Amino acid sequence: MRRFAMARAIDAGDALRTAQGASSRYCAGGTTLIDLMRQDVERPERVIAINRLPLTTIEDAPGGGLVLGALATNSEVAHHPRVRAGYPVLSEAILSGATTQIRNMATTGGNLLQRTRCIYFRDPNSACNKREPGSGCPAITGYNRNLAVLGTSEHCIATNPSDQNVALTALEATIEVRSTSGGRTIPIDRFYRLPGDAPERETTLEPGELIVAVMLPPMKGWRSHYLKLRDRQSYEFALASAAVAVRLDGSTIADARVALGGVGTIPWRAREAEAVLRGKGVSREVFREAAVIALRDARPQSQNGFKIELARRALTQALIEVTA
């Protein structure tokens, strides 16, 4: 690991001021950043510890909904009674990922910035446009079994690995950030960037901005569910996953939200599938039609074509279970 300066912030303002100037990274649980620094993938000049900032609360939002502090751990969120009762898709998604020990350390804000598991990205001796812009993407002609089929470009096919963020996408969460010039909120579908010709830029965060909270909208009358398919049952990233939320009117789907994981370069919102579902009766045939539409634009590589059918089946089964 390369040498770096270490600072500890006493409040959000202190963190923002300290982040000015040198190449800096905020560090809370450290479950992604420290690994990447050890691997010489992340090379910050300064690391700012923010884990003592008062951003751990989970509380009701005015007008309904829920506010998750950015430093609330994944375990705290997954087991919180309000999350389990009102947002089961989020609880299920978080508990399907990592291990108990990692979930006890990992935070809501840190998980939003989780980086890809592409082996070329994590090998500093390999070319990778995401790590070293302009160096190439050997995954396209190399090992790509676990990589993306949606949202790819000729410069990058790396998959977003998070489970939490797929659920947050289906819930239409909003992210609150602060900077030295003020604050703003970012809908999650505007938070992640497709790789395009600049895969090194993964989010719309500006340098120095600090995530302080994630806001969940009211979901009264909705059901939700997360289904994850993977090579083994625990401590494994998704090959394909589906986060679904539906509002039923009798046996008719009044409204639906669908997001896919394990198959996209970003947590993938499947709006075309939602349009298929709205106003339709609950049936396997309708769910399958929506799943086919959701993967319509998939572009498989040499080893990952199987993920297309896997994702279709994940989405179909998730819809069957959430409407049962």
Foldseek 3Di string as FASTA:
>chain_A
DDDAAEEEAPELVSLQVVLPDFFEDEDALCPAVVLLVVLVLDDGRYYYYDNPYPQQDWQADVPGWIKGWQFNFQVNQLPPPCCVVFPVQLNVLSVQAADPVSSVRHGNNVLLVHDFPPVQSSHPVHFACQRPNPRADCVQVNVDQQWAQPLADRRDGTFSFGSNLLSLLLQQKKWWKAHPVGIDIHGSVQFADRPYNRVNDGGPDDRSIDTTIIIGHGDPQKFKHKDFDAPDRHNTTGCKMKIKIFHDDVQATQWMWIWMHSHHNGGGTQVQLRVLRHGDGDDLVSLLVSLCSSCVRTHDGDNHPVSSVVNSVNRSVRSVVRSD
